[in-house]
Amino acid sequence: MYDIAIVGAGPAGASAALFAAKAGKKTVVFDNDKSITKKAWIENHYGVMEITGPDLVETGKKQAAKFGAEIIEDTVVNIEKKGEGFAIETENKGTFEAKHVILATGLATDLAGKIGVEVKEGTEPRVPKVLKVDAEGKTNIEGIWAAGTCAGVSVHTIITAGDGAKVAINVISELNGERYVDHDILK
């Protein structure tokens, strides 16, 4: 069983995976290759002069994998409560189990609505629906969290990436039973 399963490998999902895996949590990321970031040209991301959306997405997945996150190229079709966690069913690769799930599905809210996560009207242009979350990223279903555009934050990659990190830190803290902080120091 995975500690954390992340649905979506764009900036929010890959950032969440990076923090989760680096914290030593057994992490899986499901990537359906439909990130809206794949259409972006980015010049407003702190620390990056300019980058294509596809390159940003690939770099994020590589960073997460570097620390042990498993990247599964498949579409999640269902999530159900199972024992102490969730069963995550994919289109082609079978079913996976995780204690916590982070939805980082960008503009897509259909899966969340299907599994009972509360959906509300979006506030950004071209974002019609978002998931109802609290300040930590928790949805109405215990153990299911949301980050990034689907959670109602701005579509800008720097903001969705930061939100993914924030939500992952909150999940890690819950799993650890104490506040988690990740600070590296120059060697």
C-alpha atoms as a PDB file:
ATOM      1  CA  MET A   1       0.000   0.000   0.000  1.00  0.00           C
ATOM      2  CA  TYR A   2       1.219   3.477  -0.877  1.00  0.00           C
ATOM      3  CA  ASP A   3       1.203   6.235   1.717  1.00  0.00           C
ATOM      4  CA  ILE A   4       0.118   8.845  -0.836  1.00  0.00           C
ATOM      5  CA  ALA A   5      -1.403   8.507  -4.309  1.00  0.00           C
ATOM      6  CA  ILE A   6      -1.511  11.606  -6.476  1.00  0.00           C
ATOM      7  CA  VAL A   7      -3.857  11.895  -9.429  1.00  0.00           C
ATOM      8  CA  GLY A   8      -2.256  14.284 -11.903  1.00  0.00           C
ATOM      9  CA  ALA A   9       1.372  14.993 -12.787  1.00  0.00           C
ATOM     10  CA  GLY A  10       1.259  18.676 -13.689  1.00  0.00           C
ATOM     11  CA  PRO A  11       2.878  21.310 -11.457  1.00  0.00           C
ATOM     12  CA  ALA A  12       0.573  20.662  -8.463  1.00  0.00           C
ATOM     13  CA  GLY A  13       0.758  16.877  -8.655  1.00  0.00           C
ATOM     14  CA  ALA A  14       4.478  16.588  -9.369  1.00  0.00           C
ATOM     15  CA  SER A  15       5.280  19.134  -6.650  1.00  0.00           C
ATOM     16  CA  ALA A  16       3.179  17.166  -4.154  1.00  0.00           C
ATOM     17  CA  ALA A  17       4.937  13.970  -5.256  1.00  0.00           C
ATOM     18  CA  LEU A  18       8.369  15.568  -4.892  1.00  0.00           C
ATOM     19  CA  PHE A  19       7.680  16.593  -1.292  1.00  0.00           C
ATOM     20  CA  ALA A  20       5.995  13.286  -0.406  1.00  0.00           C
ATOM     21  CA  ALA A  21       8.739  11.089  -1.857  1.00  0.00           C
ATOM     22  CA  LYS A  22      11.540  13.249  -0.433  1.00  0.00           C
ATOM     23  CA  ALA A  23       9.892  12.854   2.987  1.00  0.00           C
ATOM     24  CA  GLY A  24      10.244   9.088   2.622  1.00  0.00           C
ATOM     25  CA  LYS A  25       6.580   8.405   1.942  1.00  0.00           C
ATOM     26  CA  LYS A  26       5.763   5.623  -0.510  1.00  0.00           C
ATOM     27  CA  THR A  27       4.323   7.717  -3.329  1.00  0.00           C
ATOM     28  CA  VAL A  28       2.602   6.966  -6.626  1.00  0.00           C
ATOM     29  CA  VAL A  29       1.581   9.524  -9.261  1.00  0.00           C
ATOM     30  CA  PHE A  30      -0.935   8.836 -12.009  1.00  0.00           C
ATOM     31  CA  ASP A  31      -0.290  10.792 -15.205  1.00  0.00           C
ATOM     32  CA  ASN A  32      -2.882  10.782 -17.993  1.00  0.00           C
ATOM     33  CA  ASP A  33      -0.723  13.177 -20.081  1.00  0.00           C
ATOM     34  CA  LYS A  34      -3.502  15.794 -20.293  1.00  0.00           C
ATOM     35  CA  SER A  35      -1.995  18.600 -18.192  1.00  0.00           C
ATOM     36  CA  ILE A  36      -3.012  22.037 -19.462  1.00  0.00           C
ATOM     37  CA  THR A  37       0.556  23.066 -18.654  1.00  0.00           C
ATOM     38  CA  LYS A  38       1.651  21.050 -21.700  1.00  0.00           C
ATOM     39  CA  LYS A  39       0.256  23.938 -23.814  1.00  0.00           C
ATOM     40  CA  ALA A  40       2.050  26.702 -21.887  1.00  0.00           C
ATOM     41  CA  TRP A  41       5.009  28.963 -22.511  1.00  0.00           C
ATOM     42  CA  ILE A  42       6.235  30.095 -19.093  1.00  0.00           C
ATOM     43  CA  GLU A  43       8.230  33.230 -18.263  1.00  0.00           C
ATOM     44  CA  ASN A  44       6.648  34.074 -14.900  1.00  0.00           C
ATOM     45  CA  HIS A  45       7.844  31.149 -12.774  1.00  0.00           C
ATOM     46  CA  TYR A  46      10.292  32.244 -10.056  1.00  0.00           C
ATOM     47  CA  GLY A  47      13.747  30.755 -10.539  1.00  0.00           C
ATOM     48  CA  VAL A  48      13.144  29.837 -14.189  1.00  0.00           C
ATOM     49  CA  MET A  49      14.001  32.354 -16.930  1.00  0.00           C
ATOM     50  CA  GLU A  50      11.720  30.664 -19.455  1.00  0.00           C
ATOM     51  CA  ILE A  51      10.530  27.146 -20.133  1.00  0.00           C
ATOM     52  CA  THR A  52       7.981  25.296 -22.200  1.00  0.00           C
ATOM     53  CA  GLY A  53       5.094  23.684 -20.378  1.00  0.00           C
ATOM     54  CA  PRO A  54       6.075  20.193 -21.577  1.00  0.00           C
ATOM     55  CA  ASP A  55       9.627  20.698 -20.266  1.00  0.00           C
ATOM     56  CA  LEU A  56       8.333  21.957 -16.899  1.00  0.00           C
ATOM     57  CA  VAL A  57       6.040  18.928 -16.547  1.00  0.00           C
ATOM     58  CA  GLU A  58       8.816  16.481 -17.470  1.00  0.00           C
ATOM     59  CA  THR A  59      11.287  18.147 -15.082  1.00  0.00           C
ATOM     60  CA  GLY A  60       8.730  17.957 -12.263  1.00  0.00           C
ATOM     61  CA  LYS A  61       8.114  14.249 -12.843  1.00  0.00           C
ATOM     62  CA  LYS A  62      11.876  13.580 -12.967  1.00  0.00           C
ATOM     63  CA  GLN A  63      12.388  15.446  -9.668  1.00  0.00           C
ATOM     64  CA  ALA A  64       9.667  13.372  -8.001  1.00  0.00           C
ATOM     65  CA  ALA A  65      11.065  10.126  -9.440  1.00  0.00           C
ATOM     66  CA  LYS A  66      14.582  11.068  -8.240  1.00  0.00           C
ATOM     67  CA  PHE A  67      13.304  10.756  -4.672  1.00  0.00           C
ATOM     68  CA  GLY A  68      11.402   7.528  -5.298  1.00  0.00           C
ATOM     69  CA  ALA A  69       7.939   8.516  -6.513  1.00  0.00           C
ATOM     70  CA  GLU A  70       6.531   5.941  -8.893  1.00  0.00           C
ATOM     71  CA  ILE A  71       5.016   7.496 -12.030  1.00  0.00           C
ATOM     72  CA  ILE A  72       2.211   5.479 -13.632  1.00  0.00           C
ATOM     73  CA  GLU A  73       1.176   6.552 -17.149  1.00  0.00           C
ATOM     74  CA  ASP A  74      -2.556   5.837 -16.992  1.00  0.00           C
ATOM     75  CA  THR A  75      -5.948   7.380 -16.329  1.00  0.00           C
ATOM     76  CA  VAL A  76      -7.643   6.951 -12.955  1.00  0.00           C
ATOM     77  CA  VAL A  77     -11.266   5.914 -13.517  1.00  0.00           C
ATOM     78  CA  ASN A  78     -12.460   5.359  -9.940  1.00  0.00           C
ATOM     79  CA  ILE A  79     -11.467   5.752  -6.300  1.00  0.00           C
ATOM     80  CA  GLU A  80     -13.224   3.844  -3.514  1.00  0.00           C
ATOM     81  CA  LYS A  81     -12.759   3.679   0.254  1.00  0.00           C
ATOM     82  CA  LYS A  82     -11.094   0.398   1.176  1.00  0.00           C
ATOM     83  CA  GLY A  83     -10.066  -0.511   4.716  1.00  0.00           C
ATOM     84  CA  GLU A  84      -7.561   2.023   6.052  1.00  0.00           C
ATOM     85  CA  GLY A  85      -7.270   3.803   2.706  1.00  0.00           C
ATOM     86  CA  PHE A  86      -8.452   3.842  -0.874  1.00  0.00           C
ATOM     87  CA  ALA A  87      -8.462   1.633  -3.954  1.00  0.00           C
ATOM     88  CA  ILE A  88      -7.473   3.651  -7.022  1.00  0.00           C
ATOM     89  CA  GLU A  89      -8.640   1.988 -10.232  1.00  0.00           C
ATOM     90  CA  THR A  90      -6.899   2.839 -13.492  1.00  0.00           C
ATOM     91  CA  GLU A  91      -7.986   2.332 -17.068  1.00  0.00           C
ATOM     92  CA  ASN A  92      -5.186  -0.082 -18.051  1.00  0.00           C
ATOM     93  CA  LYS A  93      -2.780  -0.857 -15.193  1.00  0.00           C
ATOM     94  CA  GLY A  94      -5.128  -2.235 -12.551  1.00  0.00           C
ATOM     95  CA  THR A  95      -5.927  -1.113  -9.025  1.00  0.00           C
ATOM     96  CA  PHE A  96      -3.564   0.482  -6.520  1.00  0.00           C
ATOM     97  CA  GLU A  97      -4.060   1.114  -2.795  1.00  0.00           C
ATOM     98  CA  ALA A  98      -3.066   4.188  -0.804  1.00  0.00           C
ATOM     99  CA  LYS A  99      -3.712   5.634   2.644  1.00  0.00           C
ATOM    100  CA  HIS A 100      -4.269   9.164   1.258  1.00  0.00           C
ATOM    101  CA  VAL A 101      -5.162  10.543  -2.172  1.00  0.00           C
ATOM    102  CA  ILE A 102      -4.312  13.992  -3.524  1.00  0.00           C
ATOM    103  CA  LEU A 103      -6.364  15.074  -6.518  1.00  0.00           C
ATOM    104  CA  ALA A 104      -4.317  17.411  -8.722  1.00  0.00           C
ATOM    105  CA  THR A 105      -6.424  17.089 -11.849  1.00  0.00           C
ATOM    106  CA  GLY A 106      -6.219  20.632 -13.213  1.00  0.00           C
ATOM    107  CA  LEU A 107      -9.445  21.588 -14.966  1.00  0.00           C
ATOM    108  CA  ALA A 108     -10.942  18.095 -14.614  1.00  0.00           C
ATOM    109  CA  THR A 109     -13.484  17.606 -11.826  1.00  0.00           C
ATOM    110  CA  ASP A 110     -15.528  14.700 -13.233  1.00  0.00           C
ATOM    111  CA  LEU A 111     -13.669  11.965 -11.307  1.00  0.00           C
ATOM    112  CA  ALA A 112     -13.958  13.907  -8.051  1.00  0.00           C
ATOM    113  CA  GLY A 113     -17.685  14.459  -8.561  1.00  0.00           C
ATOM    114  CA  LYS A 114     -18.164  10.774  -9.412  1.00  0.00           C
ATOM    115  CA  ILE A 115     -16.577   9.660  -6.120  1.00  0.00           C
ATOM    116  CA  GLY A 116     -18.536  12.140  -3.989  1.00  0.00           C
ATOM    117  CA  VAL A 117     -16.116  15.032  -3.552  1.00  0.00           C
ATOM    118  CA  GLU A 118     -18.070  18.291  -3.341  1.00  0.00           C
ATOM    119  CA  VAL A 119     -17.733  20.472  -6.433  1.00  0.00           C
ATOM    120  CA  LYS A 120     -18.488  24.209  -6.622  1.00  0.00           C
ATOM    121  CA  GLU A 121     -18.371  27.026  -9.159  1.00  0.00           C
ATOM    122  CA  GLY A 122     -14.900  28.198 -10.180  1.00  0.00           C
ATOM    123  CA  THR A 123     -13.842  31.834  -9.985  1.00  0.00           C
ATOM    124  CA  GLU A 124     -11.058  31.965 -12.618  1.00  0.00           C
ATOM    125  CA  PRO A 125     -11.726  32.536 -16.325  1.00  0.00           C
ATOM    126  CA  ARG A 126     -12.166  29.203 -18.175  1.00  0.00           C
ATOM    127  CA  VAL A 127     -12.316  27.234 -14.891  1.00  0.00           C
ATOM    128  CA  PRO A 128     -16.012  26.393 -14.571  1.00  0.00           C
ATOM    129  CA  LYS A 129     -15.857  23.974 -11.605  1.00  0.00           C
ATOM    130  CA  VAL A 130     -13.452  23.390  -8.705  1.00  0.00           C
ATOM    131  CA  LEU A 131     -13.411  21.106  -5.683  1.00  0.00           C
ATOM    132  CA  LYS A 132     -14.511  22.378  -2.313  1.00  0.00           C
ATOM    133  CA  VAL A 133     -11.491  22.210   0.024  1.00  0.00           C
ATOM    134  CA  ASP A 134     -10.488  23.705   3.354  1.00  0.00           C
ATOM    135  CA  ALA A 135      -7.316  25.753   3.910  1.00  0.00           C
ATOM    136  CA  GLU A 136      -5.223  22.565   4.276  1.00  0.00           C
ATOM    137  CA  GLY A 137      -6.525  21.032   1.037  1.00  0.00           C
ATOM    138  CA  LYS A 138      -8.916  18.544   2.646  1.00  0.00           C
ATOM    139  CA  THR A 139     -12.098  17.648   0.763  1.00  0.00           C
ATOM    140  CA  ASN A 140     -15.351  16.451   2.310  1.00  0.00           C
ATOM    141  CA  ILE A 141     -14.055  12.859   2.131  1.00  0.00           C
ATOM    142  CA  GLU A 142     -11.590  12.023   4.913  1.00  0.00           C
ATOM    143  CA  GLY A 143      -8.256  11.058   3.335  1.00  0.00           C
ATOM    144  CA  ILE A 144      -8.932  12.688  -0.030  1.00  0.00           C
ATOM    145  CA  TRP A 145      -7.206  16.021  -0.573  1.00  0.00           C
ATOM    146  CA  ALA A 146      -6.995  18.378  -3.557  1.00  0.00           C
ATOM    147  CA  ALA A 147      -4.328  20.759  -4.831  1.00  0.00           C
ATOM    148  CA  GLY A 148      -3.814  23.205  -7.668  1.00  0.00           C
ATOM    149  CA  THR A 149      -6.337  24.458 -10.180  1.00  0.00           C
ATOM    150  CA  CYS A 150      -8.909  21.765  -9.325  1.00  0.00           C
ATOM    151  CA  ALA A 151      -8.768  23.034  -5.710  1.00  0.00           C
ATOM    152  CA  GLY A 152      -9.601  26.573  -6.789  1.00  0.00           C
ATOM    153  CA  VAL A 153      -6.169  28.211  -6.849  1.00  0.00           C
ATOM    154  CA  SER A 154      -4.924  30.285  -9.771  1.00  0.00           C
ATOM    155  CA  VAL A 155      -3.904  28.402 -12.910  1.00  0.00           C
ATOM    156  CA  HIS A 156      -0.403  29.943 -12.858  1.00  0.00           C
ATOM    157  CA  THR A 157       2.180  27.158 -12.591  1.00  0.00           C
ATOM    158  CA  ILE A 158       4.088  28.759  -9.727  1.00  0.00           C
ATOM    159  CA  ILE A 159       0.892  28.962  -7.680  1.00  0.00           C
ATOM    160  CA  THR A 160      -0.323  25.442  -8.460  1.00  0.00           C
ATOM    161  CA  ALA A 161       3.145  24.012  -7.729  1.00  0.00           C
ATOM    162  CA  GLY A 162       3.227  25.812  -4.389  1.00  0.00           C
ATOM    163  CA  ASP A 163      -0.261  24.593  -3.553  1.00  0.00           C
ATOM    164  CA  GLY A 164       0.754  21.008  -4.363  1.00  0.00           C
ATOM    165  CA  ALA A 165       3.722  21.343  -2.001  1.00  0.00           C
ATOM    166  CA  LYS A 166       1.506  22.849   0.725  1.00  0.00           C
ATOM    167  CA  VAL A 167      -1.054  20.056   0.514  1.00  0.00           C
ATOM    168  CA  ALA A 168       1.651  17.369   0.482  1.00  0.00           C
ATOM    169  CA  ILE A 169       3.222  18.875   3.602  1.00  0.00           C
ATOM    170  CA  ASN A 170      -0.186  18.767   5.293  1.00  0.00           C
ATOM    171  CA  VAL A 171      -0.682  15.096   4.336  1.00  0.00           C
ATOM    172  CA  ILE A 172       2.862  14.205   5.455  1.00  0.00           C
ATOM    173  CA  SER A 173       2.267  16.029   8.752  1.00  0.00           C
ATOM    174  CA  GLU A 174      -0.943  14.058   9.308  1.00  0.00           C
ATOM    175  CA  LEU A 175       0.821  10.769   8.541  1.00  0.00           C
ATOM    176  CA  ASN A 176       3.738  11.674  10.858  1.00  0.00           C
ATOM    177  CA  GLY A 177       1.543  12.965  13.686  1.00  0.00           C
ATOM    178  CA  GLU A 178       3.587  16.197  13.829  1.00  0.00           C
ATOM    179  CA  ARG A 179       4.309  19.172  11.589  1.00  0.00           C
ATOM    180  CA  TYR A 180       6.684  18.286   8.767  1.00  0.00           C
ATOM    181  CA  VAL A 181       9.236  20.763   7.415  1.00  0.00           C
ATOM    182  CA  ASP A 182      11.680  20.139   4.548  1.00  0.00           C
ATOM    183  CA  HIS A 183      14.721  22.418   4.607  1.00  0.00           C
ATOM    184  CA  ASP A 184      17.958  21.465   2.894  1.00  0.00           C
ATOM    185  CA  ILE A 185      21.224  23.250   3.686  1.00  0.00           C
ATOM    186  CA  LEU A 186      24.090  23.921   1.285  1.00  0.00           C
ATOM    187  CA  LYS A 187      26.804  21.291   1.542  1.00  0.00           C
END
